[in-house]
Amino acid sequence: MEESREKVTRKNFLRGGVLALATAVVLGGLVHVFGGAGALWEVVREADPGWVLVSLAAATACVLLGALRWQLVLRAIGYRLPYGRSLSVLLAVWPLGLVTPSRANELLRAFTVRELVPLPAGAGSVLAEKAVDLLVLLGLAAMGAAFAGQGLLAALLAAAAVAELALLALLMRARRWLLSLAILRSRAASLELLFDAFEALRHAPYRLAGVGVVSLVIRVLTVVITHALLLAVGARVPLLLTLTLWPTATFAGLVPVTMAGMGTRDAAFLYLVNHAGASVDHASVLAATMAYSAVAIWSFAILGLPFMFREAARRRAAVAASGAASASPPSP
């Protein structure tokens, strides 16, 4: 058991190292190509603090709404998680998002609240939430690409949204067959709970709409964060261009090659802005997109550290209490 745990730790450490190296290479390449560190620092040094504060306020609203969105999904499957605990858990797993690809750390939320929500049901709630959020993101990105005159990209993004819907429908239709497979039969009860999250949302359209609306507001707020930072550094990117192209850049950032999409998201946005024919200062745009990572990701990763340590201490105390109870002799 101890040897297996050490292997997992080494594997995670190696994965984190590879992601960090890839992120450094991509960001370093972008900085070198678009003016160098000196030009970037000049832009950052003259940034308007008022717009930076606007971006921080929008980022905070995103996190607060994210906790609400998870609550809504859990309510749909019959579990009530206090808002404070939902927010605490969201922040607790945030730091790990820097070293896990495609925000795989989000599934740790289910593990953290398993004393209140069965682990499969919690995992199902997170997966259902992310499925809705991905659909919203793909829809916004497809519409944005279409408005920006990038028909092929819009078609590909729309096709990805349709493919996601088709996959979810296929999984739900094949539910009984999947659970009957010998390899899954022993865990049928747990998998039922996982499927229940998707089933509950499908049969509660008003709750599904609520989750979708919250996701839409969060995605719009990420555009507000980005555009406020573009204004802060004086990058003359039209608001309509940010609104139409940032969702596609965000989707590109989901590709698991860098830490939390840093570098890939920046490169995608720079490419899309150039392709749209906008005349902009590349160093300013890069400064704004890199600042997005600092505002919307790193700041909450740092803020989340005390919550992560508190949840870890709570889990250790629960395990210790469980061990003490099992070791106690039975009452006569």
Protein backbone atom coordinates (compact mmCIF):
# COMPACT_ATOMS: atom_id res chain seq x y z
CA MET A 1 0.00 0.00 0.00
CA GLU A 2 2.78 2.42 0.99
CA GLU A 3 4.77 1.55 -2.14
CA SER A 4 1.69 2.15 -4.32
CA ARG A 5 1.12 5.51 -2.65
CA GLU A 6 4.74 6.50 -3.30
CA LYS A 7 4.35 5.57 -6.99
CA VAL A 8 1.25 7.75 -7.27
CA THR A 9 3.08 10.62 -5.57
CA ARG A 10 6.04 10.29 -7.93
CA LYS A 11 3.71 10.13 -10.92
CA ASN A 12 1.84 13.26 -9.81
CA PHE A 13 5.11 15.07 -9.13
CA LEU A 14 6.41 14.14 -12.59
CA ARG A 15 3.16 15.24 -14.24
CA GLY A 16 3.29 18.55 -12.39
CA GLY A 17 6.90 19.05 -13.46
CA VAL A 18 6.09 18.36 -17.11
CA LEU A 19 3.15 20.79 -17.01
CA ALA A 20 5.28 23.48 -15.36
CA LEU A 21 8.04 23.03 -17.96
CA ALA A 22 5.56 23.15 -20.86
CA THR A 23 3.97 26.28 -19.39
CA ALA A 24 7.34 28.00 -18.98
CA VAL A 25 8.33 27.13 -22.56
CA VAL A 26 5.06 28.38 -24.08
CA LEU A 27 4.92 31.59 -22.03
CA GLY A 28 8.64 32.24 -22.53
CA GLY A 29 8.22 31.82 -26.28
CA LEU A 30 5.30 34.23 -26.35
CA VAL A 31 7.16 36.87 -24.31
CA HIS A 32 10.22 36.53 -26.57
CA VAL A 33 8.21 36.83 -29.79
CA PHE A 34 6.07 39.76 -28.65
CA GLY A 35 8.58 42.29 -27.40
CA GLY A 36 10.51 40.62 -24.60
CA ALA A 37 10.25 40.86 -20.83
CA GLY A 38 11.30 44.53 -20.79
CA ALA A 39 8.45 45.66 -23.02
CA LEU A 40 6.00 43.52 -21.04
CA TRP A 41 7.15 45.03 -17.74
CA GLU A 42 6.73 48.57 -19.10
CA VAL A 43 3.14 47.79 -20.02
CA VAL A 44 2.39 46.23 -16.61
CA ARG A 45 4.07 49.09 -14.72
CA GLU A 46 1.75 51.64 -16.32
CA ALA A 47 -1.45 49.62 -15.86
CA ASP A 48 -4.54 51.43 -14.56
CA PRO A 49 -5.25 50.03 -11.06
CA GLY A 50 -8.95 50.93 -11.33
CA TRP A 51 -9.53 48.48 -14.18
CA VAL A 52 -7.46 45.86 -12.38
CA LEU A 53 -9.84 46.18 -9.41
CA VAL A 54 -12.80 45.71 -11.77
CA SER A 55 -11.23 42.49 -13.04
CA LEU A 56 -10.68 41.27 -9.46
CA ALA A 57 -14.32 42.01 -8.59
CA ALA A 58 -15.53 40.09 -11.65
CA ALA A 59 -13.23 37.16 -10.82
CA THR A 60 -14.57 37.08 -7.25
CA ALA A 61 -18.12 37.02 -8.59
CA CYS A 62 -17.18 34.04 -10.79
CA VAL A 63 -15.99 32.06 -7.76
CA LEU A 64 -19.06 32.95 -5.68
CA LEU A 65 -21.36 31.93 -8.53
CA GLY A 66 -19.38 28.73 -9.04
CA ALA A 67 -20.22 27.65 -5.49
CA LEU A 68 -23.90 28.45 -6.14
CA ARG A 69 -23.88 26.44 -9.38
CA TRP A 70 -22.62 23.32 -7.59
CA GLN A 71 -25.32 23.80 -4.96
CA LEU A 72 -27.98 23.87 -7.68
CA VAL A 73 -26.77 20.60 -9.20
CA LEU A 74 -26.63 18.90 -5.81
CA ARG A 75 -30.16 20.05 -5.01
CA ALA A 76 -31.35 18.54 -8.28
CA ILE A 77 -30.14 15.11 -7.14
CA GLY A 78 -31.57 15.49 -3.65
CA TYR A 79 -28.65 16.71 -1.53
CA ARG A 80 -28.37 20.01 0.32
CA LEU A 81 -24.88 21.38 0.83
CA PRO A 82 -24.58 24.65 2.81
CA TYR A 83 -23.35 27.50 0.63
CA GLY A 84 -20.42 28.20 2.96
CA ARG A 85 -19.21 24.61 2.69
CA SER A 86 -19.66 24.63 -1.09
CA LEU A 87 -17.51 27.76 -1.37
CA SER A 88 -14.93 26.42 1.09
CA VAL A 89 -14.53 23.17 -0.85
CA LEU A 90 -14.34 25.02 -4.17
CA LEU A 91 -11.45 27.12 -2.83
CA ALA A 92 -9.83 24.10 -1.15
CA VAL A 93 -9.36 22.25 -4.44
CA TRP A 94 -8.40 25.38 -6.40
CA PRO A 95 -4.61 25.24 -5.76
CA LEU A 96 -4.45 21.71 -7.17
CA GLY A 97 -5.92 22.99 -10.45
CA LEU A 98 -2.48 24.44 -11.25
CA VAL A 99 -0.88 20.98 -11.47
CA THR A 100 -3.73 18.87 -12.81
CA PRO A 101 -4.65 18.91 -16.51
CA SER A 102 -8.08 20.10 -17.67
CA ARG A 103 -9.17 20.93 -14.09
CA ALA A 104 -9.27 17.26 -13.08
CA ASN A 105 -8.88 18.55 -9.51
CA GLU A 106 -12.60 19.42 -9.53
CA LEU A 107 -13.48 15.76 -8.86
CA LEU A 108 -11.76 16.13 -5.47
CA ARG A 109 -14.78 18.19 -4.42
CA ALA A 110 -16.81 14.98 -4.32
CA PHE A 111 -14.16 13.30 -2.15
CA THR A 112 -14.08 16.28 0.24
CA VAL A 113 -17.83 16.25 0.99
CA ARG A 114 -18.38 12.50 0.95
CA GLU A 115 -19.61 12.56 4.58
CA LEU A 116 -22.58 14.62 3.34
CA VAL A 117 -22.95 13.35 -0.24
CA PRO A 118 -22.11 9.78 -1.33
CA LEU A 119 -18.91 9.82 -3.38
CA PRO A 120 -20.48 8.60 -6.68
CA ALA A 121 -23.32 11.13 -6.36
CA GLY A 122 -20.82 13.91 -5.62
CA ALA A 123 -18.69 12.92 -8.61
CA GLY A 124 -21.81 12.82 -10.77
CA SER A 125 -22.76 16.33 -9.63
CA VAL A 126 -19.33 17.69 -10.59
CA LEU A 127 -19.36 15.93 -13.97
CA ALA A 128 -22.91 17.14 -14.71
CA GLU A 129 -21.96 20.70 -13.75
CA LYS A 130 -18.91 20.60 -16.01
CA ALA A 131 -20.90 19.09 -18.88
CA VAL A 132 -23.38 21.99 -18.75
CA ASP A 133 -20.57 24.53 -18.45
CA LEU A 134 -18.74 23.04 -21.44
CA LEU A 135 -21.91 23.22 -23.55
CA VAL A 136 -22.35 26.89 -22.63
CA LEU A 137 -18.70 27.62 -23.43
CA LEU A 138 -18.89 25.82 -26.79
CA GLY A 139 -22.11 27.65 -27.66
CA LEU A 140 -20.60 31.05 -26.85
CA ALA A 141 -17.39 30.22 -28.68
CA ALA A 142 -19.27 29.04 -31.78
CA MET A 143 -21.44 32.17 -31.87
CA GLY A 144 -18.41 34.38 -31.28
CA ALA A 145 -16.44 32.75 -34.07
CA ALA A 146 -19.42 33.15 -36.41
CA PHE A 147 -19.74 36.87 -35.56
CA ALA A 148 -16.00 37.28 -36.13
CA GLY A 149 -16.38 35.82 -39.62
CA GLN A 150 -14.55 32.57 -38.89
CA GLY A 151 -17.08 30.16 -40.36
CA LEU A 152 -14.94 27.02 -40.27
CA LEU A 153 -14.00 27.52 -36.62
CA ALA A 154 -17.64 28.25 -35.74
CA ALA A 155 -18.73 25.05 -37.48
CA LEU A 156 -16.10 22.97 -35.65
CA LEU A 157 -17.10 24.40 -32.27
CA ALA A 158 -20.80 23.84 -32.99
CA ALA A 159 -20.00 20.27 -34.07
CA ALA A 160 -18.15 19.74 -30.77
CA ALA A 161 -21.24 20.92 -28.85
CA VAL A 162 -23.48 18.57 -30.85
CA ALA A 163 -20.99 15.73 -30.28
CA GLU A 164 -21.10 16.33 -26.52
CA LEU A 165 -24.91 16.25 -26.52
CA ALA A 166 -24.90 13.07 -28.61
CA LEU A 167 -22.40 11.40 -26.28
CA LEU A 168 -24.45 12.28 -23.19
CA ALA A 169 -27.63 10.99 -24.86
CA LEU A 170 -25.85 7.78 -25.87
CA LEU A 171 -24.57 7.22 -22.33
CA MET A 172 -28.02 7.72 -20.85
CA ARG A 173 -29.66 5.39 -23.40
CA ALA A 174 -26.99 2.74 -22.86
CA ARG A 175 -27.19 3.08 -19.08
CA ARG A 176 -28.75 -0.33 -18.40
CA TRP A 177 -26.44 -2.08 -20.84
CA LEU A 178 -23.35 -0.45 -19.31
CA LEU A 179 -24.40 -1.41 -15.79
CA SER A 180 -25.00 -4.99 -16.90
CA LEU A 181 -21.41 -5.46 -18.06
CA ALA A 182 -19.52 -7.92 -15.87
CA ILE A 183 -16.68 -5.45 -15.30
CA LEU A 184 -19.11 -2.84 -13.92
CA ARG A 185 -21.73 -5.06 -12.29
CA SER A 186 -20.04 -5.05 -8.88
CA ARG A 187 -20.19 -1.25 -8.81
CA ALA A 188 -23.64 -0.88 -10.31
CA ALA A 189 -25.08 0.83 -7.22
CA SER A 190 -22.35 3.48 -7.20
CA LEU A 191 -22.58 4.06 -10.93
CA GLU A 192 -26.34 4.45 -10.62
CA LEU A 193 -25.74 7.41 -8.33
CA LEU A 194 -23.32 8.91 -10.86
CA PHE A 195 -25.86 8.58 -13.68
CA ASP A 196 -28.58 9.98 -11.42
CA ALA A 197 -27.04 13.47 -11.54
CA PHE A 198 -27.48 13.66 -15.31
CA GLU A 199 -30.91 12.01 -15.13
CA ALA A 200 -32.09 14.41 -12.42
CA LEU A 201 -31.11 17.46 -14.47
CA ARG A 202 -32.73 16.01 -17.59
CA HIS A 203 -36.03 15.57 -15.74
CA ALA A 204 -35.87 19.00 -14.05
CA PRO A 205 -35.59 21.48 -16.92
CA TYR A 206 -35.99 24.51 -14.67
CA ARG A 207 -33.02 23.40 -12.54
CA LEU A 208 -31.03 22.63 -15.68
CA ALA A 209 -31.88 26.10 -16.98
CA GLY A 210 -30.74 27.60 -13.67
CA VAL A 211 -27.38 25.83 -13.89
CA GLY A 212 -27.07 26.94 -17.51
CA VAL A 213 -27.87 30.57 -16.70
CA VAL A 214 -25.31 30.66 -13.88
CA SER A 215 -22.72 29.14 -16.23
CA LEU A 216 -23.55 31.74 -18.86
CA VAL A 217 -23.14 34.58 -16.34
CA ILE A 218 -19.78 33.14 -15.23
CA ARG A 219 -18.58 32.91 -18.83
CA VAL A 220 -19.65 36.49 -19.54
CA LEU A 221 -17.85 37.61 -16.39
CA THR A 222 -14.63 35.99 -17.66
CA VAL A 223 -14.95 38.26 -20.70
CA VAL A 224 -15.40 41.22 -18.31
CA ILE A 225 -12.20 40.20 -16.48
CA THR A 226 -10.25 40.00 -19.73
CA HIS A 227 -11.58 43.23 -21.23
CA ALA A 228 -11.00 45.16 -17.99
CA LEU A 229 -7.37 44.00 -18.05
CA LEU A 230 -7.06 44.95 -21.73
CA LEU A 231 -8.32 48.43 -20.81
CA ALA A 232 -5.96 48.53 -17.83
CA VAL A 233 -2.88 48.11 -20.03
CA GLY A 234 -4.20 50.26 -22.88
CA ALA A 235 -4.66 47.46 -25.41
CA ARG A 236 -7.12 48.74 -27.99
CA VAL A 237 -9.12 45.56 -28.51
CA PRO A 238 -12.80 46.35 -29.23
CA LEU A 239 -15.24 44.98 -26.66
CA LEU A 240 -17.11 43.04 -29.36
CA LEU A 241 -13.87 41.32 -30.36
CA THR A 242 -13.13 40.30 -26.76
CA LEU A 243 -16.71 39.07 -26.35
CA THR A 244 -16.58 37.01 -29.52
CA LEU A 245 -13.04 35.62 -29.33
CA TRP A 246 -12.25 35.11 -25.64
CA PRO A 247 -14.59 32.07 -25.23
CA THR A 248 -12.73 30.30 -28.06
CA ALA A 249 -9.38 31.11 -26.45
CA THR A 250 -10.76 29.78 -23.15
CA PHE A 251 -11.75 26.54 -24.87
CA ALA A 252 -8.23 26.26 -26.31
CA GLY A 253 -6.92 26.63 -22.76
CA LEU A 254 -8.72 23.41 -21.78
CA VAL A 255 -6.22 21.41 -23.84
CA PRO A 256 -4.11 19.69 -21.12
CA VAL A 257 -0.63 20.81 -22.17
CA THR A 258 0.07 23.65 -19.72
CA MET A 259 -0.79 24.59 -16.14
CA ALA A 260 -4.42 25.77 -16.01
CA GLY A 261 -4.32 26.69 -19.71
CA MET A 262 -1.66 29.38 -19.24
CA GLY A 263 0.12 30.08 -22.49
CA THR A 264 -2.23 28.11 -24.73
CA ARG A 265 -5.11 30.47 -23.89
CA ASP A 266 -2.87 33.53 -24.47
CA ALA A 267 -1.53 32.22 -27.78
CA ALA A 268 -5.02 31.36 -29.02
CA PHE A 269 -6.37 34.84 -28.22
CA LEU A 270 -3.41 36.59 -29.86
CA TYR A 271 -3.82 34.44 -32.97
CA LEU A 272 -7.57 35.08 -33.16
CA VAL A 273 -7.18 38.85 -32.68
CA ASN A 274 -4.54 38.95 -35.43
CA HIS A 275 -6.68 36.80 -37.70
CA ALA A 276 -9.59 39.21 -37.17
CA GLY A 277 -7.41 42.00 -38.58
CA ALA A 278 -7.37 44.14 -35.44
CA SER A 279 -4.49 46.59 -35.13
CA VAL A 280 -3.25 46.11 -31.56
CA ASP A 281 -0.07 46.29 -29.53
CA HIS A 282 0.87 42.65 -29.03
CA ALA A 283 2.84 43.26 -25.84
CA SER A 284 -0.21 44.93 -24.26
CA VAL A 285 -2.55 42.11 -25.28
CA LEU A 286 -0.12 39.50 -23.95
CA ALA A 287 0.25 41.43 -20.69
CA ALA A 288 -3.54 41.45 -20.28
CA THR A 289 -4.00 37.74 -21.01
CA MET A 290 -1.15 36.79 -18.67
CA ALA A 291 -2.68 39.06 -16.03
CA TYR A 292 -5.93 37.10 -16.48
CA SER A 293 -4.13 34.01 -15.17
CA ALA A 294 -2.83 36.01 -12.21
CA VAL A 295 -6.24 37.49 -11.38
CA ALA A 296 -8.61 34.61 -12.13
CA ILE A 297 -6.40 31.61 -11.27
CA TRP A 298 -3.31 32.34 -9.19
CA SER A 299 -4.95 34.76 -6.76
CA PHE A 300 -7.61 32.21 -5.80
CA ALA A 301 -5.05 29.40 -5.71
CA ILE A 302 -3.18 31.37 -3.04
CA LEU A 303 -6.43 32.28 -1.27
CA GLY A 304 -7.44 28.61 -1.37
CA LEU A 305 -4.34 27.31 0.44
CA PRO A 306 -5.72 27.82 3.99
CA PHE A 307 -8.98 26.14 2.91
CA MET A 308 -7.04 23.23 1.43
CA PHE A 309 -5.06 22.75 4.65
CA ARG A 310 -8.25 23.02 6.73
CA GLU A 311 -10.03 20.37 4.65
CA ALA A 312 -6.98 18.10 4.88
CA ALA A 313 -6.89 18.53 8.68
CA ARG A 314 -10.63 17.83 8.86
CA ARG A 315 -10.16 14.64 6.85
CA ARG A 316 -7.27 13.46 9.06
CA ALA A 317 -9.34 14.10 12.19
CA ALA A 318 -12.27 12.14 10.74
CA VAL A 319 -9.99 9.21 9.84
CA ALA A 320 -8.42 9.27 13.32
CA ALA A 321 -11.84 9.34 14.99
CA SER A 322 -13.01 6.45 12.81
CA GLY A 323 -9.91 4.44 13.67
CA ALA A 324 -10.32 5.10 17.39
CA ALA A 325 -13.97 4.04 17.27
CA SER A 326 -13.16 0.78 15.47
CA ALA A 327 -10.34 0.03 17.92
CA SER A 328 -12.53 0.53 20.99
CA PRO A 329 -13.68 -2.74 22.66
CA PRO A 330 -17.40 -3.45 22.39
CA SER A 331 -19.56 -2.47 25.34
CA PRO A 332 -20.48 -5.40 27.61
